[in-house]
Amino acid sequence: MTTFCTTCGACCAAFRVDFAREELLSEGGPVPDGLTVPVTGRVMRMRGTDHAPPRCAALVGTIGTEARCGIYEWRSSPCRELEPGSDGCLRARRCHGLPALPESF
């Protein structure tokens, strides 16, 4: 996790996070079941990410100040795939009024 990720948290409060049921801890994956809600028989969602505004139940802290994923080591695949500085990261930061990351982060 980069330094920016431990103070940002914008991605945890900008997107709906859906993933395969097989990623649940009870199914042999890393994601704690209690932080999820079922979408279909095969798709789960991180609790809170379907709220308006979204905020993942695993997000700890204040966005843009000191924020982090409380289950970073056990996060779902969509969260693992979102790269710092990516288009998705920058969209989330803009959504929360945060500046783009520096080129050399």
C-alpha atoms as a PDB file:
ATOM      1  CA  MET A   1       0.000   0.000   0.000  1.00  0.00           C
ATOM      2  CA  THR A   2       1.473   3.347  -1.002  1.00  0.00           C
ATOM      3  CA  THR A   3       1.607   6.315   1.362  1.00  0.00           C
ATOM      4  CA  PHE A   4      -1.126   7.954  -0.708  1.00  0.00           C
ATOM      5  CA  CYS A   5      -3.421   4.992  -0.110  1.00  0.00           C
ATOM      6  CA  THR A   6      -3.063   5.296   3.678  1.00  0.00           C
ATOM      7  CA  THR A   7      -4.252   8.906   3.608  1.00  0.00           C
ATOM      8  CA  CYS A   8      -6.729   8.810   0.720  1.00  0.00           C
ATOM      9  CA  GLY A   9      -9.527   6.224   0.928  1.00  0.00           C
ATOM     10  CA  ALA A  10     -11.404   7.798  -1.991  1.00  0.00           C
ATOM     11  CA  CYS A  11     -11.706   4.519  -3.894  1.00  0.00           C
ATOM     12  CA  CYS A  12     -13.398   2.930  -0.868  1.00  0.00           C
ATOM     13  CA  ALA A  13     -16.104   5.581  -1.032  1.00  0.00           C
ATOM     14  CA  ALA A  14     -16.667   5.984  -4.760  1.00  0.00           C
ATOM     15  CA  PHE A  15     -17.484   2.626  -6.354  1.00  0.00           C
ATOM     16  CA  ARG A  16     -19.818  -0.329  -5.961  1.00  0.00           C
ATOM     17  CA  VAL A  17     -17.629  -3.388  -5.320  1.00  0.00           C
ATOM     18  CA  ASP A  18     -18.984  -6.683  -6.676  1.00  0.00           C
ATOM     19  CA  PHE A  19     -17.046  -9.937  -6.778  1.00  0.00           C
ATOM     20  CA  ALA A  20     -17.490 -13.704  -7.095  1.00  0.00           C
ATOM     21  CA  ARG A  21     -18.929 -15.621  -4.141  1.00  0.00           C
ATOM     22  CA  GLU A  22     -15.814 -17.856  -4.210  1.00  0.00           C
ATOM     23  CA  GLU A  23     -13.814 -14.946  -2.749  1.00  0.00           C
ATOM     24  CA  LEU A  24     -15.689 -15.227   0.575  1.00  0.00           C
ATOM     25  CA  LEU A  25     -13.798 -16.646   3.541  1.00  0.00           C
ATOM     26  CA  SER A  26     -16.503 -19.293   3.962  1.00  0.00           C
ATOM     27  CA  GLU A  27     -15.900 -20.393   0.370  1.00  0.00           C
ATOM     28  CA  GLY A  28     -12.098 -20.596   0.728  1.00  0.00           C
ATOM     29  CA  GLY A  29     -11.311 -17.006  -0.270  1.00  0.00           C
ATOM     30  CA  PRO A  30      -9.952 -14.080   1.749  1.00  0.00           C
ATOM     31  CA  VAL A  31     -12.961 -11.713   2.119  1.00  0.00           C
ATOM     32  CA  PRO A  32     -14.744 -11.793   5.516  1.00  0.00           C
ATOM     33  CA  ASP A  33     -18.372 -12.820   4.956  1.00  0.00           C
ATOM     34  CA  GLY A  34     -19.745 -10.315   7.488  1.00  0.00           C
ATOM     35  CA  LEU A  35     -18.600  -7.353   5.388  1.00  0.00           C
ATOM     36  CA  THR A  36     -20.562  -8.452   2.343  1.00  0.00           C
ATOM     37  CA  VAL A  37     -24.114  -8.696   1.064  1.00  0.00           C
ATOM     38  CA  PRO A  38     -25.402 -11.070  -1.623  1.00  0.00           C
ATOM     39  CA  VAL A  39     -26.326  -9.650  -5.020  1.00  0.00           C
ATOM     40  CA  THR A  40     -27.148 -12.948  -6.727  1.00  0.00           C
ATOM     41  CA  GLY A  41     -26.364 -16.559  -5.928  1.00  0.00           C
ATOM     42  CA  ARG A  42     -22.896 -16.124  -7.419  1.00  0.00           C
ATOM     43  CA  VAL A  43     -22.130 -12.430  -6.847  1.00  0.00           C
ATOM     44  CA  MET A  44     -21.377 -10.650  -3.572  1.00  0.00           C
ATOM     45  CA  ARG A  45     -20.947  -6.947  -2.818  1.00  0.00           C
ATOM     46  CA  MET A  46     -18.897  -5.169  -0.190  1.00  0.00           C
ATOM     47  CA  ARG A  47     -21.354  -3.850   2.396  1.00  0.00           C
ATOM     48  CA  GLY A  48     -21.931  -0.118   2.082  1.00  0.00           C
ATOM     49  CA  THR A  49     -20.719   0.249  -1.479  1.00  0.00           C
ATOM     50  CA  ASP A  50     -24.272   0.297  -2.807  1.00  0.00           C
ATOM     51  CA  HIS A  51     -25.287   3.190  -0.550  1.00  0.00           C
ATOM     52  CA  ALA A  52     -25.596   6.782  -1.760  1.00  0.00           C
ATOM     53  CA  PRO A  53     -22.960   7.973  -1.243  1.00  0.00           C
ATOM     54  CA  PRO A  54     -21.001   4.711  -1.202  1.00  0.00           C
ATOM     55  CA  ARG A  55     -18.649   3.888   1.653  1.00  0.00           C
ATOM     56  CA  CYS A  56     -17.202   0.420   2.080  1.00  0.00           C
ATOM     57  CA  ALA A  57     -17.765  -1.115   5.510  1.00  0.00           C
ATOM     58  CA  ALA A  58     -14.049  -1.983   5.615  1.00  0.00           C
ATOM     59  CA  LEU A  59     -12.935   1.656   5.244  1.00  0.00           C
ATOM     60  CA  VAL A  60     -11.371   3.004   8.425  1.00  0.00           C
ATOM     61  CA  GLY A  61     -10.737   6.718   8.984  1.00  0.00           C
ATOM     62  CA  THR A  62     -11.480   9.954   7.178  1.00  0.00           C
ATOM     63  CA  ILE A  63     -11.187  10.243   3.395  1.00  0.00           C
ATOM     64  CA  GLY A  64      -8.307  12.462   2.326  1.00  0.00           C
ATOM     65  CA  THR A  65      -6.844  12.711   5.815  1.00  0.00           C
ATOM     66  CA  GLU A  66      -6.065   9.325   7.283  1.00  0.00           C
ATOM     67  CA  ALA A  67      -7.926   6.434   5.711  1.00  0.00           C
ATOM     68  CA  ARG A  68      -7.138   2.807   5.063  1.00  0.00           C
ATOM     69  CA  CYS A  69      -8.731  -0.503   4.231  1.00  0.00           C
ATOM     70  CA  GLY A  70      -9.373  -2.434   7.426  1.00  0.00           C
ATOM     71  CA  ILE A  71      -9.065  -5.728   5.519  1.00  0.00           C
ATOM     72  CA  TYR A  72      -6.297  -4.752   3.093  1.00  0.00           C
ATOM     73  CA  GLU A  73      -4.668  -8.210   3.128  1.00  0.00           C
ATOM     74  CA  TRP A  74      -8.084  -9.851   2.608  1.00  0.00           C
ATOM     75  CA  ARG A  75      -9.677  -7.378   0.173  1.00  0.00           C
ATOM     76  CA  SER A  76     -11.666  -8.501  -2.875  1.00  0.00           C
ATOM     77  CA  SER A  77     -10.321  -8.758  -6.418  1.00  0.00           C
ATOM     78  CA  PRO A  78     -11.808  -5.438  -7.660  1.00  0.00           C
ATOM     79  CA  CYS A  79      -9.972  -3.686  -4.827  1.00  0.00           C
ATOM     80  CA  ARG A  80      -6.739  -5.539  -5.594  1.00  0.00           C
ATOM     81  CA  GLU A  81      -7.019  -4.603  -9.265  1.00  0.00           C
ATOM     82  CA  LEU A  82      -7.463  -0.851  -8.696  1.00  0.00           C
ATOM     83  CA  GLU A  83      -3.975   0.632  -9.011  1.00  0.00           C
ATOM     84  CA  PRO A  84      -2.853   3.875  -7.371  1.00  0.00           C
ATOM     85  CA  GLY A  85      -2.770   6.568 -10.064  1.00  0.00           C
ATOM     86  CA  SER A  86      -5.035   4.595 -12.428  1.00  0.00           C
ATOM     87  CA  ASP A  87      -8.041   6.178 -14.133  1.00  0.00           C
ATOM     88  CA  GLY A  88     -10.328   4.696 -11.468  1.00  0.00           C
ATOM     89  CA  CYS A  89      -8.135   6.048  -8.681  1.00  0.00           C
ATOM     90  CA  LEU A  90      -8.100   9.513 -10.224  1.00  0.00           C
ATOM     91  CA  ARG A  91     -11.897   9.489 -10.760  1.00  0.00           C
ATOM     92  CA  ALA A  92     -12.414   8.562  -7.105  1.00  0.00           C
ATOM     93  CA  ARG A  93     -10.040  11.282  -5.938  1.00  0.00           C
ATOM     94  CA  ARG A  94     -11.834  13.894  -8.084  1.00  0.00           C
ATOM     95  CA  CYS A  95     -15.172  12.723  -6.677  1.00  0.00           C
ATOM     96  CA  HIS A  96     -13.921  13.632  -3.193  1.00  0.00           C
ATOM     97  CA  GLY A  97     -12.209  16.868  -4.207  1.00  0.00           C
ATOM     98  CA  LEU A  98      -8.698  15.435  -3.831  1.00  0.00           C
ATOM     99  CA  PRO A  99      -5.915  16.412  -6.234  1.00  0.00           C
ATOM    100  CA  ALA A 100      -4.406  13.968  -8.717  1.00  0.00           C
ATOM    101  CA  LEU A 101      -1.393  12.005  -7.516  1.00  0.00           C
ATOM    102  CA  PRO A 102       2.014  13.448  -8.360  1.00  0.00           C
ATOM    103  CA  GLU A 103       3.667  11.984 -11.476  1.00  0.00           C
ATOM    104  CA  SER A 104       6.518  10.482  -9.442  1.00  0.00           C
ATOM    105  CA  PHE A 105       4.575   8.815  -6.639  1.00  0.00           C
END
